[in-house]
């Protein structure tokens, strides 16, 4: 969690301070489902990892649109829903939080990983078209 005082100017020109309790990086993606992998955690909870293909609409010099793939994680009931109702090729809308971690490899190099985890909000994952 990140706490910080933030200044807000009121109409009367007096600055008012408010507390920001949580700041997070959110990703909103809309695209087609690629691979879907269902696994279980060590304590038996469902975990689904899936990819979404999206494009910003720009084309290269050959007229081809560039497709970008983003991997997402879902846990618990959200994972169960995705596993039961979503198929490869479905058009979806996803809101996820960004989680970055690092790990040291056997060769001594530091590796950084970025994971996008589906938010718990009910509107964080929607099937737009099957």
C-alpha atoms as a PDB file:
ATOM      1  CA  UNK A   1       0.000   0.000   0.000  1.00  0.00           C
ATOM      2  CA  UNK A   2       1.132   3.517  -0.725  1.00  0.00           C
ATOM      3  CA  UNK A   3       0.116   6.418   1.501  1.00  0.00           C
ATOM      4  CA  UNK A   4       0.744   9.975   0.504  1.00  0.00           C
ATOM      5  CA  UNK A   5      -0.712  13.377   1.153  1.00  0.00           C
ATOM      6  CA  UNK A   6      -2.224  14.819  -1.999  1.00  0.00           C
ATOM      7  CA  UNK A   7      -3.187  18.463  -2.422  1.00  0.00           C
ATOM      8  CA  UNK A   8      -6.598  19.342  -3.808  1.00  0.00           C
ATOM      9  CA  UNK A   9      -7.547  22.932  -4.590  1.00  0.00           C
ATOM     10  CA  UNK A  10     -11.054  23.849  -3.637  1.00  0.00           C
ATOM     11  CA  UNK A  11     -13.103  26.488  -5.436  1.00  0.00           C
ATOM     12  CA  UNK A  12     -12.277  29.051  -2.769  1.00  0.00           C
ATOM     13  CA  UNK A  13      -8.558  28.619  -3.502  1.00  0.00           C
ATOM     14  CA  UNK A  14      -7.736  26.920  -0.187  1.00  0.00           C
ATOM     15  CA  UNK A  15      -5.666  23.795  -0.538  1.00  0.00           C
ATOM     16  CA  UNK A  16      -7.136  20.746   1.122  1.00  0.00           C
ATOM     17  CA  UNK A  17      -5.123  17.619   1.907  1.00  0.00           C
ATOM     18  CA  UNK A  18      -6.556  14.169   1.581  1.00  0.00           C
ATOM     19  CA  UNK A  19      -5.052  10.775   2.195  1.00  0.00           C
ATOM     20  CA  UNK A  20      -4.581   8.418  -0.726  1.00  0.00           C
ATOM     21  CA  UNK A  21      -4.887   4.982   0.832  1.00  0.00           C
ATOM     22  CA  UNK A  22      -3.956   2.851  -2.129  1.00  0.00           C
ATOM     23  CA  UNK A  23      -2.422   3.570  -5.495  1.00  0.00           C
ATOM     24  CA  UNK A  24      -2.069   0.864  -8.070  1.00  0.00           C
ATOM     25  CA  UNK A  25      -1.279   0.437 -11.714  1.00  0.00           C
ATOM     26  CA  UNK A  26      -4.274  -0.897 -13.613  1.00  0.00           C
ATOM     27  CA  UNK A  27      -4.305  -2.357 -17.090  1.00  0.00           C
ATOM     28  CA  UNK A  28      -7.445  -2.340 -19.197  1.00  0.00           C
ATOM     29  CA  UNK A  29      -7.217  -4.724 -22.135  1.00  0.00           C
ATOM     30  CA  UNK A  30      -9.713  -5.769 -24.752  1.00  0.00           C
ATOM     31  CA  UNK A  31      -8.951  -8.533 -27.189  1.00  0.00           C
ATOM     32  CA  UNK A  32      -9.272 -12.179 -28.134  1.00  0.00           C
ATOM     33  CA  UNK A  33      -8.396 -15.077 -25.835  1.00  0.00           C
ATOM     34  CA  UNK A  34      -5.377 -17.164 -26.829  1.00  0.00           C
ATOM     35  CA  UNK A  35      -4.198 -20.026 -24.642  1.00  0.00           C
ATOM     36  CA  UNK A  36      -5.908 -20.939 -21.370  1.00  0.00           C
ATOM     37  CA  UNK A  37      -4.122 -23.004 -18.693  1.00  0.00           C
ATOM     38  CA  UNK A  38      -5.870 -24.234 -15.571  1.00  0.00           C
ATOM     39  CA  UNK A  39      -3.782 -25.245 -12.580  1.00  0.00           C
ATOM     40  CA  UNK A  40      -4.211 -25.531  -8.838  1.00  0.00           C
ATOM     41  CA  UNK A  41      -2.193 -23.943  -6.070  1.00  0.00           C
ATOM     42  CA  UNK A  42      -0.561 -26.065  -3.358  1.00  0.00           C
ATOM     43  CA  UNK A  43      -3.557 -25.444  -1.082  1.00  0.00           C
ATOM     44  CA  UNK A  44      -6.051 -26.583  -3.738  1.00  0.00           C
ATOM     45  CA  UNK A  45      -7.324 -23.216  -5.015  1.00  0.00           C
ATOM     46  CA  UNK A  46      -8.029 -22.839  -8.721  1.00  0.00           C
ATOM     47  CA  UNK A  47      -5.666 -20.692 -10.782  1.00  0.00           C
ATOM     48  CA  UNK A  48      -6.137 -19.869 -14.475  1.00  0.00           C
ATOM     49  CA  UNK A  49      -3.457 -18.324 -16.639  1.00  0.00           C
ATOM     50  CA  UNK A  50      -4.569 -17.009 -20.034  1.00  0.00           C
ATOM     51  CA  UNK A  51      -3.383 -14.703 -22.793  1.00  0.00           C
ATOM     52  CA  UNK A  52      -5.212 -11.923 -24.636  1.00  0.00           C
ATOM     53  CA  UNK A  53      -4.291 -10.670 -28.110  1.00  0.00           C
ATOM     54  CA  UNK A  54      -4.797  -6.985 -28.810  1.00  0.00           C
ATOM     55  CA  UNK A  55      -3.753  -4.408 -31.355  1.00  0.00           C
ATOM     56  CA  UNK A  56      -3.554  -0.629 -31.280  1.00  0.00           C
ATOM     57  CA  UNK A  57      -4.797  -0.449 -34.874  1.00  0.00           C
ATOM     58  CA  UNK A  58      -1.562   0.878 -36.361  1.00  0.00           C
ATOM     59  CA  UNK A  59      -0.181  -0.933 -39.354  1.00  0.00           C
ATOM     60  CA  UNK A  60       3.405  -1.438 -40.453  1.00  0.00           C
ATOM     61  CA  UNK A  61       4.746  -0.547 -43.893  1.00  0.00           C
ATOM     62  CA  UNK A  62       3.399  -3.836 -45.299  1.00  0.00           C
ATOM     63  CA  UNK A  63      -0.130  -3.072 -44.094  1.00  0.00           C
ATOM     64  CA  UNK A  64      -0.130  -5.648 -41.272  1.00  0.00           C
ATOM     65  CA  UNK A  65      -1.426  -4.793 -37.804  1.00  0.00           C
ATOM     66  CA  UNK A  66       0.907  -5.680 -34.942  1.00  0.00           C
ATOM     67  CA  UNK A  67      -0.617  -8.096 -32.435  1.00  0.00           C
ATOM     68  CA  UNK A  68       0.524  -7.904 -28.823  1.00  0.00           C
ATOM     69  CA  UNK A  69      -0.042 -10.745 -26.363  1.00  0.00           C
ATOM     70  CA  UNK A  70      -0.549 -10.085 -22.647  1.00  0.00           C
ATOM     71  CA  UNK A  71      -0.698 -12.843 -20.018  1.00  0.00           C
ATOM     72  CA  UNK A  72      -3.183 -12.648 -17.130  1.00  0.00           C
ATOM     73  CA  UNK A  73      -3.817 -14.620 -13.932  1.00  0.00           C
ATOM     74  CA  UNK A  74      -7.163 -15.269 -12.266  1.00  0.00           C
ATOM     75  CA  UNK A  75      -7.795 -16.983  -8.935  1.00  0.00           C
ATOM     76  CA  UNK A  76     -10.714 -18.544  -7.068  1.00  0.00           C
ATOM     77  CA  UNK A  77     -14.263 -17.981  -8.354  1.00  0.00           C
ATOM     78  CA  UNK A  78     -13.085 -15.755 -11.191  1.00  0.00           C
ATOM     79  CA  UNK A  79     -10.764 -18.579 -12.347  1.00  0.00           C
ATOM     80  CA  UNK A  80     -13.624 -21.094 -12.154  1.00  0.00           C
ATOM     81  CA  UNK A  81     -15.836 -18.812 -14.267  1.00  0.00           C
ATOM     82  CA  UNK A  82     -13.140 -18.316 -16.915  1.00  0.00           C
ATOM     83  CA  UNK A  83     -12.393 -22.040 -17.029  1.00  0.00           C
ATOM     84  CA  UNK A  84     -16.072 -22.960 -17.504  1.00  0.00           C
ATOM     85  CA  UNK A  85     -17.286 -20.223 -19.870  1.00  0.00           C
ATOM     86  CA  UNK A  86     -14.348 -18.873 -21.888  1.00  0.00           C
ATOM     87  CA  UNK A  87     -12.878 -20.440 -25.007  1.00  0.00           C
ATOM     88  CA  UNK A  88     -10.014 -19.603 -27.316  1.00  0.00           C
ATOM     89  CA  UNK A  89     -11.049 -16.797 -29.683  1.00  0.00           C
ATOM     90  CA  UNK A  90     -13.643 -15.187 -27.377  1.00  0.00           C
ATOM     91  CA  UNK A  91     -13.574 -11.371 -27.286  1.00  0.00           C
ATOM     92  CA  UNK A  92     -13.078 -10.218 -23.695  1.00  0.00           C
ATOM     93  CA  UNK A  93     -12.508  -7.088 -21.633  1.00  0.00           C
ATOM     94  CA  UNK A  94     -10.096  -7.380 -18.694  1.00  0.00           C
ATOM     95  CA  UNK A  95      -9.095  -5.057 -15.845  1.00  0.00           C
ATOM     96  CA  UNK A  96      -6.006  -6.207 -13.973  1.00  0.00           C
ATOM     97  CA  UNK A  97      -3.464  -4.998 -11.454  1.00  0.00           C
ATOM     98  CA  UNK A  98       0.236  -5.057 -12.227  1.00  0.00           C
ATOM     99  CA  UNK A  99       2.534  -7.068  -9.972  1.00  0.00           C
ATOM    100  CA  UNK A 100       6.293  -7.040 -10.554  1.00  0.00           C
ATOM    101  CA  UNK A 101       8.642  -9.519  -8.890  1.00  0.00           C
ATOM    102  CA  UNK A 102      12.283 -10.403  -9.235  1.00  0.00           C
ATOM    103  CA  UNK A 103      14.286 -13.571  -8.961  1.00  0.00           C
ATOM    104  CA  UNK A 104      17.981 -14.404  -9.034  1.00  0.00           C
ATOM    105  CA  UNK A 105      18.980 -17.027 -11.571  1.00  0.00           C
ATOM    106  CA  UNK A 106      21.586 -19.734 -11.091  1.00  0.00           C
ATOM    107  CA  UNK A 107      24.004 -17.669 -13.170  1.00  0.00           C
ATOM    108  CA  UNK A 108      23.680 -14.741 -10.733  1.00  0.00           C
ATOM    109  CA  UNK A 109      21.601 -12.572 -13.059  1.00  0.00           C
ATOM    110  CA  UNK A 110      18.512 -10.844 -11.707  1.00  0.00           C
ATOM    111  CA  UNK A 111      15.312 -11.530 -13.626  1.00  0.00           C
ATOM    112  CA  UNK A 112      12.238  -9.310 -13.395  1.00  0.00           C
ATOM    113  CA  UNK A 113       8.727 -10.628 -14.015  1.00  0.00           C
ATOM    114  CA  UNK A 114       5.513  -8.668 -14.569  1.00  0.00           C
ATOM    115  CA  UNK A 115       2.213 -10.367 -13.807  1.00  0.00           C
ATOM    116  CA  UNK A 116      -1.264  -9.000 -14.418  1.00  0.00           C
ATOM    117  CA  UNK A 117      -3.830 -10.309 -11.941  1.00  0.00           C
ATOM    118  CA  UNK A 118      -7.552  -9.940 -12.603  1.00  0.00           C
ATOM    119  CA  UNK A 119      -9.184  -7.534 -10.141  1.00  0.00           C
ATOM    120  CA  UNK A 120     -11.795  -8.934  -7.766  1.00  0.00           C
ATOM    121  CA  UNK A 121     -14.382  -6.403  -8.968  1.00  0.00           C
ATOM    122  CA  UNK A 122     -17.381  -8.038 -10.644  1.00  0.00           C
ATOM    123  CA  UNK A 123     -16.891  -6.015 -13.830  1.00  0.00           C
ATOM    124  CA  UNK A 124     -13.143  -6.760 -14.086  1.00  0.00           C
ATOM    125  CA  UNK A 125     -13.674  -9.575 -16.597  1.00  0.00           C
ATOM    126  CA  UNK A 126     -16.384  -9.548 -19.249  1.00  0.00           C
ATOM    127  CA  UNK A 127     -17.078 -11.762 -22.236  1.00  0.00           C
ATOM    128  CA  UNK A 128     -17.979  -9.370 -25.047  1.00  0.00           C
ATOM    129  CA  UNK A 129     -18.539 -11.863 -27.878  1.00  0.00           C
ATOM    130  CA  UNK A 130     -18.298 -15.633 -28.248  1.00  0.00           C
END
